[in-house]
Amino acid sequence: MAVKKKPTRHASALKAQRKSLRRYLRNRAMKKQIRSASKAVVEAKGAGASELLAKSAAALDKAARHGVIHWKTAARKKSRLAKRAAAQASAPAQAPAAA
């Protein structure tokens, strides 16, 4: 009895795989951009935080526009980040504790 060869994959399946890979790479890059922008806001001190907050919000909006994250997720993250930045700005600068 002859062994049947596996049929070749359909062209549409190959195209779907290519699209999936492109989307995966784009999504990963955008999420990385969001994480670094958010981290920069958290670590920022002084007046530069508001500028970094705007860049972080723009990165979140862009990701939501492209469907990388849900728009409500973007809104929630922006809100929490803004609240955190405001709390940092209003908190008095603490001197390092002497031992």
PDB file of N, CA and C in Angstrom:
ATOM      1  N   MET A   1       0.839  -1.173   0.000  1.00  0.00           N
ATOM      2  CA  MET A   1       0.000   0.000   0.000  1.00  0.00           C
ATOM      3  C   MET A   1       0.889   1.243   0.000  1.00  0.00           C
ATOM      4  N   ALA A   2       0.585   2.202  -0.835  1.00  0.00           N
ATOM      5  CA  ALA A   2       1.384   3.421  -0.952  1.00  0.00           C
ATOM      6  C   ALA A   2       0.982   4.416   0.129  1.00  0.00           C
ATOM      7  N   VAL A   3       1.984   5.109   0.621  1.00  0.00           N
ATOM      8  CA  VAL A   3       1.739   6.124   1.642  1.00  0.00           C
ATOM      9  C   VAL A   3       1.321   7.410   0.947  1.00  0.00           C
ATOM     10  N   LYS A   4       0.237   7.983   1.424  1.00  0.00           N
ATOM     11  CA  LYS A   4      -0.239   9.229   0.822  1.00  0.00           C
ATOM     12  C   LYS A   4       0.614  10.393   1.299  1.00  0.00           C
ATOM     13  N   LYS A   5       0.944  11.264   0.377  1.00  0.00           N
ATOM     14  CA  LYS A   5       1.681  12.466   0.752  1.00  0.00           C
ATOM     15  C   LYS A   5       0.725  13.455   1.410  1.00  0.00           C
ATOM     16  N   LYS A   6       1.282  14.253   2.307  1.00  0.00           N
ATOM     17  CA  LYS A   6       0.464  15.297   2.908  1.00  0.00           C
ATOM     18  C   LYS A   6       0.189  16.352   1.845  1.00  0.00           C
ATOM     19  N   PRO A   7      -1.021  16.835   1.787  1.00  0.00           N
ATOM     20  CA  PRO A   7      -1.303  17.878   0.801  1.00  0.00           C
ATOM     21  C   PRO A   7      -0.570  19.164   1.175  1.00  0.00           C
ATOM     22  N   THR A   8      -0.221  19.945   0.189  1.00  0.00           N
ATOM     23  CA  THR A   8       0.462  21.214   0.474  1.00  0.00           C
ATOM     24  C   THR A   8      -0.526  22.174   1.121  1.00  0.00           C
ATOM     25  N   ARG A   9       0.006  23.121   1.821  1.00  0.00           N
ATOM     26  CA  ARG A   9      -0.874  24.069   2.496  1.00  0.00           C
ATOM     27  C   ARG A   9      -1.476  25.031   1.478  1.00  0.00           C
ATOM     28  N   HIS A  10      -2.651  25.476   1.782  1.00  0.00           N
ATOM     29  CA  HIS A  10      -3.338  26.406   0.894  1.00  0.00           C
ATOM     30  C   HIS A  10      -2.635  27.760   0.887  1.00  0.00           C
ATOM     31  N   ALA A  11      -2.740  28.436  -0.209  1.00  0.00           N
ATOM     32  CA  ALA A  11      -2.125  29.758  -0.335  1.00  0.00           C
ATOM     33  C   ALA A  11      -2.690  30.710   0.712  1.00  0.00           C
ATOM     34  N   SER A  12      -3.980  30.585   0.997  1.00  0.00           N
ATOM     35  CA  SER A  12      -4.597  31.479   1.982  1.00  0.00           C
ATOM     36  C   SER A  12      -4.031  31.221   3.384  1.00  0.00           C
ATOM     37  N   ALA A  13      -3.712  29.955   3.670  1.00  0.00           N
ATOM     38  CA  ALA A  13      -3.127  29.638   4.978  1.00  0.00           C
ATOM     39  C   ALA A  13      -1.721  30.213   5.085  1.00  0.00           C
ATOM     40  N   LEU A  14      -0.975  30.164   3.998  1.00  0.00           N
ATOM     41  CA  LEU A  14       0.379  30.733   3.987  1.00  0.00           C
ATOM     42  C   LEU A  14       0.322  32.242   4.189  1.00  0.00           C
ATOM     43  N   LYS A  15      -0.631  32.882   3.520  1.00  0.00           N
ATOM     44  CA  LYS A  15      -0.786  34.331   3.662  1.00  0.00           C
ATOM     45  C   LYS A  15      -1.210  34.689   5.090  1.00  0.00           C
ATOM     46  N   ALA A  16      -2.100  33.890   5.647  1.00  0.00           N
ATOM     47  CA  ALA A  16      -2.549  34.144   7.021  1.00  0.00           C
ATOM     48  C   ALA A  16      -1.380  34.024   7.998  1.00  0.00           C
ATOM     49  N   GLN A  17      -0.500  33.074   7.743  1.00  0.00           N
ATOM     50  CA  GLN A  17       0.669  32.910   8.610  1.00  0.00           C
ATOM     51  C   GLN A  17       1.596  34.116   8.497  1.00  0.00           C
ATOM     52  N   ARG A  18       1.804  34.613   7.264  1.00  0.00           N
ATOM     53  CA  ARG A  18       2.658  35.796   7.072  1.00  0.00           C
ATOM     54  C   ARG A  18       2.062  37.005   7.793  1.00  0.00           C
ATOM     55  N   LYS A  19       0.740  37.193   7.648  1.00  0.00           N
ATOM     56  CA  LYS A  19       0.070  38.316   8.304  1.00  0.00           C
ATOM     57  C   LYS A  19       0.176  38.200   9.823  1.00  0.00           C
ATOM     58  N   SER A  20       0.017  36.984  10.308  1.00  0.00           N
ATOM     59  CA  SER A  20       0.090  36.747  11.741  1.00  0.00           C
ATOM     60  C   SER A  20       1.468  37.110  12.282  1.00  0.00           C
ATOM     61  N   LEU A  21       2.494  36.743  11.553  1.00  0.00           N
ATOM     62  CA  LEU A  21       3.855  37.052  11.978  1.00  0.00           C
ATOM     63  C   LEU A  21       4.104  38.560  11.983  1.00  0.00           C
ATOM     64  N   ARG A  22       3.630  39.255  10.943  1.00  0.00           N
ATOM     65  CA  ARG A  22       3.790  40.714  10.887  1.00  0.00           C
ATOM     66  C   ARG A  22       3.072  41.388  12.050  1.00  0.00           C
ATOM     67  N   ARG A  23       1.847  40.942  12.322  1.00  0.00           N
ATOM     68  CA  ARG A  23       1.072  41.525  13.421  1.00  0.00           C
ATOM     69  C   ARG A  23       1.732  41.253  14.768  1.00  0.00           C
ATOM     70  N   TYR A  24       2.247  40.043  14.923  1.00  0.00           N
ATOM     71  CA  TYR A  24       2.916  39.663  16.164  1.00  0.00           C
ATOM     72  C   TYR A  24       4.106  40.582  16.420  1.00  0.00           C
ATOM     73  N   LEU A  25       4.905  40.808  15.390  1.00  0.00           N
ATOM     74  CA  LEU A  25       6.084  41.663  15.549  1.00  0.00           C
ATOM     75  C   LEU A  25       5.686  43.110  15.837  1.00  0.00           C
ATOM     76  N   ARG A  26       4.651  43.599  15.138  1.00  0.00           N
ATOM     77  CA  ARG A  26       4.184  44.969  15.362  1.00  0.00           C
ATOM     78  C   ARG A  26       3.622  45.119  16.776  1.00  0.00           C
ATOM     79  N   ASN A  27       2.811  44.142  17.199  1.00  0.00           N
ATOM     80  CA  ASN A  27       2.211  44.202  18.532  1.00  0.00           C
ATOM     81  C   ASN A  27       3.281  44.184  19.615  1.00  0.00           C
ATOM     82  N   ARG A  28       4.271  43.325  19.441  1.00  0.00           N
ATOM     83  CA  ARG A  28       5.340  43.210  20.430  1.00  0.00           C
ATOM     84  C   ARG A  28       6.121  44.512  20.534  1.00  0.00           C
ATOM     85  N   ALA A  29       6.409  45.133  19.376  1.00  0.00           N
ATOM     86  CA  ALA A  29       7.155  46.392  19.371  1.00  0.00           C
ATOM     87  C   ALA A  29       6.349  47.507  20.049  1.00  0.00           C
ATOM     88  N   MET A  30       5.049  47.565  19.747  1.00  0.00           N
ATOM     89  CA  MET A  30       4.214  48.612  20.342  1.00  0.00           C
ATOM     90  C   MET A  30       4.073  48.430  21.846  1.00  0.00           C
ATOM     91  N   LYS A  31       3.924  47.191  22.285  1.00  0.00           N
ATOM     92  CA  LYS A  31       3.796  46.946  23.718  1.00  0.00           C
ATOM     93  C   LYS A  31       5.088  47.296  24.444  1.00  0.00           C
ATOM     94  N   LYS A  32       6.218  47.028  23.799  1.00  0.00           N
ATOM     95  CA  LYS A  32       7.517  47.382  24.377  1.00  0.00           C
ATOM     96  C   LYS A  32       7.621  48.907  24.499  1.00  0.00           C
ATOM     97  N   GLN A  33       7.152  49.608  23.462  1.00  0.00           N
ATOM     98  CA  GLN A  33       7.177  51.070  23.459  1.00  0.00           C
ATOM     99  C   GLN A  33       6.319  51.617  24.608  1.00  0.00           C
ATOM    100  N   ILE A  34       5.164  51.013  24.816  1.00  0.00           N
ATOM    101  CA  ILE A  34       4.276  51.433  25.906  1.00  0.00           C
ATOM    102  C   ILE A  34       4.956  51.229  27.254  1.00  0.00           C
ATOM    103  N   ARG A  35       5.550  50.052  27.441  1.00  0.00           N
ATOM    104  CA  ARG A  35       6.201  49.758  28.724  1.00  0.00           C
ATOM    105  C   ARG A  35       7.341  50.724  29.012  1.00  0.00           C
ATOM    106  N   SER A  36       8.189  50.986  27.990  1.00  0.00           N
ATOM    107  CA  SER A  36       9.319  51.897  28.242  1.00  0.00           C
ATOM    108  C   SER A  36       8.849  53.320  28.502  1.00  0.00           C
ATOM    109  N   ALA A  37       7.826  53.777  27.769  1.00  0.00           N
ATOM    110  CA  ALA A  37       7.321  55.131  27.979  1.00  0.00           C
ATOM    111  C   ALA A  37       6.720  55.265  29.376  1.00  0.00           C
ATOM    112  N   SER A  38       5.980  54.256  29.809  1.00  0.00           N
ATOM    113  CA  SER A  38       5.364  54.290  31.137  1.00  0.00           C
ATOM    114  C   SER A  38       6.427  54.256  32.232  1.00  0.00           C
ATOM    115  N   LYS A  39       7.442  53.455  32.023  1.00  0.00           N
ATOM    116  CA  LYS A  39       8.524  53.349  33.000  1.00  0.00           C
ATOM    117  C   LYS A  39       9.261  54.686  33.125  1.00  0.00           C
ATOM    118  N   ALA A  40       9.444  55.369  31.987  1.00  0.00           N
ATOM    119  CA  ALA A  40      10.128  56.659  31.995  1.00  0.00           C
ATOM    120  C   ALA A  40       9.335  57.681  32.808  1.00  0.00           C
ATOM    121  N   VAL A  41       8.004  57.636  32.697  1.00  0.00           N
ATOM    122  CA  VAL A  41       7.160  58.571  33.454  1.00  0.00           C
ATOM    123  C   VAL A  41       7.304  58.303  34.944  1.00  0.00           C
ATOM    124  N   VAL A  42       7.283  57.035  35.320  1.00  0.00           N
ATOM    125  CA  VAL A  42       7.366  56.663  36.736  1.00  0.00           C
ATOM    126  C   VAL A  42       8.714  57.073  37.321  1.00  0.00           C
ATOM    127  N   GLU A  43       9.775  56.933  36.547  1.00  0.00           N
ATOM    128  CA  GLU A  43      11.116  57.243  37.039  1.00  0.00           C
ATOM    129  C   GLU A  43      11.457  58.728  36.945  1.00  0.00           C
ATOM    130  N   ALA A  44      10.659  59.496  36.194  1.00  0.00           N
ATOM    131  CA  ALA A  44      10.963  60.914  35.980  1.00  0.00           C
ATOM    132  C   ALA A  44      10.721  61.730  37.233  1.00  0.00           C
ATOM    133  N   LYS A  45      11.513  62.741  37.370  1.00  0.00           N
ATOM    134  CA  LYS A  45      11.369  63.673  38.488  1.00  0.00           C
ATOM    135  C   LYS A  45      11.210  65.075  37.912  1.00  0.00           C
ATOM    136  N   GLY A  46      10.366  65.879  38.515  1.00  0.00           N
ATOM    137  CA  GLY A  46      10.256  67.279  38.131  1.00  0.00           C
ATOM    138  C   GLY A  46       9.389  67.534  36.911  1.00  0.00           C
ATOM    139  N   ALA A  47       9.753  68.607  36.182  1.00  0.00           N
ATOM    140  CA  ALA A  47       8.925  69.098  35.079  1.00  0.00           C
ATOM    141  C   ALA A  47       8.924  68.170  33.872  1.00  0.00           C
ATOM    142  N   GLY A  48       9.939  67.356  33.700  1.00  0.00           N
ATOM    143  CA  GLY A  48      10.016  66.473  32.546  1.00  0.00           C
ATOM    144  C   GLY A  48       8.965  65.382  32.547  1.00  0.00           C
ATOM    145  N   ALA A  49       8.341  65.138  33.698  1.00  0.00           N
ATOM    146  CA  ALA A  49       7.352  64.062  33.814  1.00  0.00           C
ATOM    147  C   ALA A  49       6.118  64.330  32.958  1.00  0.00           C
ATOM    148  N   SER A  50       5.688  65.589  32.890  1.00  0.00           N
ATOM    149  CA  SER A  50       4.478  65.896  32.111  1.00  0.00           C
ATOM    150  C   SER A  50       4.710  65.684  30.614  1.00  0.00           C
ATOM    151  N   GLU A  51       5.910  66.006  30.169  1.00  0.00           N
ATOM    152  CA  GLU A  51       6.258  65.791  28.761  1.00  0.00           C
ATOM    153  C   GLU A  51       6.299  64.289  28.449  1.00  0.00           C
ATOM    154  N   LEU A  52       6.889  63.531  29.370  1.00  0.00           N
ATOM    155  CA  LEU A  52       6.959  62.076  29.192  1.00  0.00           C
ATOM    156  C   LEU A  52       5.575  61.444  29.298  1.00  0.00           C
ATOM    157  N   LEU A  53       4.713  62.031  30.133  1.00  0.00           N
ATOM    158  CA  LEU A  53       3.351  61.526  30.268  1.00  0.00           C
ATOM    159  C   LEU A  53       2.588  61.685  28.947  1.00  0.00           C
ATOM    160  N   ALA A  54       2.808  62.807  28.268  1.00  0.00           N
ATOM    161  CA  ALA A  54       2.155  63.033  26.972  1.00  0.00           C
ATOM    162  C   ALA A  54       2.640  62.021  25.940  1.00  0.00           C
ATOM    163  N   LYS A  55       3.939  61.723  25.942  1.00  0.00           N
ATOM    164  CA  LYS A  55       4.490  60.731  25.009  1.00  0.00           C
ATOM    165  C   LYS A  55       3.940  59.337  25.302  1.00  0.00           C
ATOM    166  N   SER A  56       3.811  59.031  26.577  1.00  0.00           N
ATOM    167  CA  SER A  56       3.272  57.733  26.973  1.00  0.00           C
ATOM    168  C   SER A  56       1.806  57.609  26.561  1.00  0.00           C
ATOM    169  N   ALA A  57       1.042  58.676  26.748  1.00  0.00           N
ATOM    170  CA  ALA A  57      -0.367  58.673  26.346  1.00  0.00           C
ATOM    171  C   ALA A  57      -0.498  58.514  24.837  1.00  0.00           C
ATOM    172  N   ALA A  58       0.396  59.155  24.095  1.00  0.00           N
ATOM    173  CA  ALA A  58       0.368  59.029  22.633  1.00  0.00           C
ATOM    174  C   ALA A  58       0.677  57.596  22.206  1.00  0.00           C
ATOM    175  N   ALA A  59       1.615  56.953  22.880  1.00  0.00           N
ATOM    176  CA  ALA A  59       1.954  55.557  22.565  1.00  0.00           C
ATOM    177  C   ALA A  59       0.770  54.638  22.856  1.00  0.00           C
ATOM    178  N   LEU A  60       0.067  54.890  23.964  1.00  0.00           N
ATOM    179  CA  LEU A  60      -1.106  54.089  24.299  1.00  0.00           C
ATOM    180  C   LEU A  60      -2.223  54.298  23.289  1.00  0.00           C
ATOM    181  N   ASP A  61      -2.446  55.559  22.890  1.00  0.00           N
ATOM    182  CA  ASP A  61      -3.486  55.853  21.901  1.00  0.00           C
ATOM    183  C   ASP A  61      -3.180  55.199  20.558  1.00  0.00           C
ATOM    184  N   LYS A  62      -1.916  55.229  20.172  1.00  0.00           N
ATOM    185  CA  LYS A  62      -1.507  54.621  18.901  1.00  0.00           C
ATOM    186  C   LYS A  62      -1.742  53.111  18.923  1.00  0.00           C
ATOM    187  N   ALA A  63      -1.393  52.478  20.035  1.00  0.00           N
ATOM    188  CA  ALA A  63      -1.595  51.036  20.172  1.00  0.00           C
ATOM    189  C   ALA A  63      -3.084  50.695  20.116  1.00  0.00           C
ATOM    190  N   ALA A  64      -3.898  51.521  20.757  1.00  0.00           N
ATOM    191  CA  ALA A  64      -5.339  51.288  20.737  1.00  0.00           C
ATOM    192  C   ALA A  64      -5.906  51.492  19.329  1.00  0.00           C
ATOM    193  N   ARG A  65      -5.408  52.488  18.639  1.00  0.00           N
ATOM    194  CA  ARG A  65      -5.871  52.772  17.274  1.00  0.00           C
ATOM    195  C   ARG A  65      -5.555  51.609  16.331  1.00  0.00           C
ATOM    196  N   HIS A  66      -4.417  50.963  16.536  1.00  0.00           N
ATOM    197  CA  HIS A  66      -4.005  49.847  15.683  1.00  0.00           C
ATOM    198  C   HIS A  66      -4.577  48.514  16.149  1.00  0.00           C
ATOM    199  N   GLY A  67      -5.292  48.506  17.270  1.00  0.00           N
ATOM    200  CA  GLY A  67      -5.903  47.278  17.745  1.00  0.00           C
ATOM    201  C   GLY A  67      -4.962  46.392  18.540  1.00  0.00           C
ATOM    202  N   VAL A  68      -3.830  46.933  18.948  1.00  0.00           N
ATOM    203  CA  VAL A  68      -2.876  46.145  19.740  1.00  0.00           C
ATOM    204  C   VAL A  68      -3.437  45.935  21.141  1.00  0.00           C
ATOM    205  N   ILE A  69      -4.027  46.988  21.704  1.00  0.00           N
ATOM    206  CA  ILE A  69      -4.707  46.886  22.991  1.00  0.00           C
ATOM    207  C   ILE A  69      -6.095  47.498  22.829  1.00  0.00           C
ATOM    208  N   HIS A  70      -6.988  47.160  23.734  1.00  0.00           N
ATOM    209  CA  HIS A  70      -8.346  47.692  23.693  1.00  0.00           C
ATOM    210  C   HIS A  70      -8.330  49.162  24.097  1.00  0.00           C
ATOM    211  N   TRP A  71      -9.242  49.951  23.565  1.00  0.00           N
ATOM    212  CA  TRP A  71      -9.239  51.387  23.850  1.00  0.00           C
ATOM    213  C   TRP A  71      -9.540  51.669  25.313  1.00  0.00           C
ATOM    214  N   LYS A  72     -10.324  50.814  25.950  1.00  0.00           N
ATOM    215  CA  LYS A  72     -10.600  51.025  27.371  1.00  0.00           C
ATOM    216  C   LYS A  72      -9.370  50.695  28.218  1.00  0.00           C
ATOM    217  N   THR A  73      -8.597  49.733  27.771  1.00  0.00           N
ATOM    218  CA  THR A  73      -7.348  49.405  28.458  1.00  0.00           C
ATOM    219  C   THR A  73      -6.396  50.586  28.374  1.00  0.00           C
ATOM    220  N   ALA A  74      -6.323  51.203  27.190  1.00  0.00           N
ATOM    221  CA  ALA A  74      -5.460  52.373  27.006  1.00  0.00           C
ATOM    222  C   ALA A  74      -5.908  53.509  27.930  1.00  0.00           C
ATOM    223  N   ALA A  75      -7.211  53.739  27.999  1.00  0.00           N
ATOM    224  CA  ALA A  75      -7.739  54.807  28.848  1.00  0.00           C
ATOM    225  C   ALA A  75      -7.428  54.545  30.318  1.00  0.00           C
ATOM    226  N   ARG A  76      -7.584  53.291  30.739  1.00  0.00           N
ATOM    227  CA  ARG A  76      -7.316  52.929  32.126  1.00  0.00           C
ATOM    228  C   ARG A  76      -5.845  53.126  32.477  1.00  0.00           C
ATOM    229  N   LYS A  77      -4.966  52.694  31.565  1.00  0.00           N
ATOM    230  CA  LYS A  77      -3.530  52.835  31.800  1.00  0.00           C
ATOM    231  C   LYS A  77      -3.117  54.301  31.841  1.00  0.00           C
ATOM    232  N   LYS A  78      -3.688  55.130  30.947  1.00  0.00           N
ATOM    233  CA  LYS A  78      -3.380  56.567  30.937  1.00  0.00           C
ATOM    234  C   LYS A  78      -3.826  57.213  32.245  1.00  0.00           C
ATOM    235  N   SER A  79      -5.012  56.850  32.697  1.00  0.00           N
ATOM    236  CA  SER A  79      -5.549  57.424  33.923  1.00  0.00           C
ATOM    237  C   SER A  79      -4.671  57.073  35.122  1.00  0.00           C
ATOM    238  N   ARG A  80      -4.294  55.808  35.227  1.00  0.00           N
ATOM    239  CA  ARG A  80      -3.483  55.373  36.364  1.00  0.00           C
ATOM    240  C   ARG A  80      -2.090  55.992  36.329  1.00  0.00           C
ATOM    241  N   LEU A  81      -1.559  56.129  35.118  1.00  0.00           N
ATOM    242  CA  LEU A  81      -0.231  56.720  34.972  1.00  0.00           C
ATOM    243  C   LEU A  81      -0.264  58.205  35.342  1.00  0.00           C
ATOM    244  N   ALA A  82      -1.315  58.903  34.915  1.00  0.00           N
ATOM    245  CA  ALA A  82      -1.454  60.326  35.243  1.00  0.00           C
ATOM    246  C   ALA A  82      -1.613  60.519  36.748  1.00  0.00           C
ATOM    247  N   LYS A  83      -2.389  59.627  37.365  1.00  0.00           N
ATOM    248  CA  LYS A  83      -2.593  59.711  38.817  1.00  0.00           C
ATOM    249  C   LYS A  83      -1.278  59.490  39.549  1.00  0.00           C
ATOM    250  N   ARG A  84      -0.502  58.544  39.057  1.00  0.00           N
ATOM    251  CA  ARG A  84       0.780  58.241  39.693  1.00  0.00           C
ATOM    252  C   ARG A  84       1.772  59.394  39.524  1.00  0.00           C
ATOM    253  N   ALA A  85       1.781  59.993  38.322  1.00  0.00           N
ATOM    254  CA  ALA A  85       2.678  61.119  38.060  1.00  0.00           C
ATOM    255  C   ALA A  85       2.299  62.316  38.934  1.00  0.00           C
ATOM    256  N   ALA A  86       0.993  62.550  39.090  1.00  0.00           N
ATOM    257  CA  ALA A  86       0.531  63.663  39.922  1.00  0.00           C
ATOM    258  C   ALA A  86       0.912  63.439  41.379  1.00  0.00           C
ATOM    259  N   ALA A  87       0.820  62.203  41.834  1.00  0.00           N
ATOM    260  CA  ALA A  87       1.172  61.894  43.219  1.00  0.00           C
ATOM    261  C   ALA A  87       2.666  62.103  43.442  1.00  0.00           C
ATOM    262  N   GLN A  88       3.470  61.747  42.441  1.00  0.00           N
ATOM    263  CA  GLN A  88       4.916  61.952  42.557  1.00  0.00           C
ATOM    264  C   GLN A  88       5.259  63.437  42.578  1.00  0.00           C
ATOM    265  N   ALA A  89       4.550  64.209  41.767  1.00  0.00           N
ATOM    266  CA  ALA A  89       4.832  65.640  41.683  1.00  0.00           C
ATOM    267  C   ALA A  89       4.450  66.356  42.977  1.00  0.00           C
ATOM    268  N   SER A  90       3.350  65.931  43.609  1.00  0.00           N
ATOM    269  CA  SER A  90       2.890  66.606  44.823  1.00  0.00           C
ATOM    270  C   SER A  90       3.630  66.120  46.066  1.00  0.00           C
ATOM    271  N   ALA A  91       4.206  64.934  46.012  1.00  0.00           N
ATOM    272  CA  ALA A  91       4.934  64.404  47.179  1.00  0.00           C
ATOM    273  C   ALA A  91       6.213  65.183  47.391  1.00  0.00           C
ATOM    274  N   PRO A  92       6.539  65.516  48.636  1.00  0.00           N
ATOM    275  CA  PRO A  92       7.776  66.244  48.910  1.00  0.00           C
ATOM    276  C   PRO A  92       8.983  65.350  48.622  1.00  0.00           C
ATOM    277  N   ALA A  93      10.051  65.949  48.167  1.00  0.00           N
ATOM    278  CA  ALA A  93      11.272  65.195  47.876  1.00  0.00           C
ATOM    279  C   ALA A  93      11.844  64.683  49.189  1.00  0.00           C
ATOM    280  N   GLN A  94      12.034  63.394  49.263  1.00  0.00           N
ATOM    281  CA  GLN A  94      12.535  62.794  50.496  1.00  0.00           C
ATOM    282  C   GLN A  94      14.057  62.661  50.415  1.00  0.00           C
ATOM    283  N   ALA A  95      14.697  63.071  51.474  1.00  0.00           N
ATOM    284  CA  ALA A  95      16.150  62.928  51.547  1.00  0.00           C
ATOM    285  C   ALA A  95      16.463  61.489  51.930  1.00  0.00           C
ATOM    286  N   PRO A  96      17.608  60.977  51.470  1.00  0.00           N
ATOM    287  CA  PRO A  96      17.961  59.616  51.852  1.00  0.00           C
ATOM    288  C   PRO A  96      18.102  59.494  53.364  1.00  0.00           C
ATOM    289  N   ALA A  97      17.586  58.424  53.913  1.00  0.00           N
ATOM    290  CA  ALA A  97      17.621  58.226  55.374  1.00  0.00           C
ATOM    291  C   ALA A  97      19.048  57.983  55.846  1.00  0.00           C
ATOM    292  N   ALA A  98      19.425  58.714  56.870  1.00  0.00           N
ATOM    293  CA  ALA A  98      20.772  58.533  57.438  1.00  0.00           C
ATOM    294  C   ALA A  98      20.760  57.330  58.375  1.00  0.00           C
ATOM    295  N   ALA A  99      21.806  56.563  58.333  1.00  0.00           N
ATOM    296  CA  ALA A  99      21.855  55.342  59.155  1.00  0.00           C
ATOM    297  C   ALA A  99      22.333  55.595  60.546  1.00  0.00           C
TER     298      ALA A  99
END
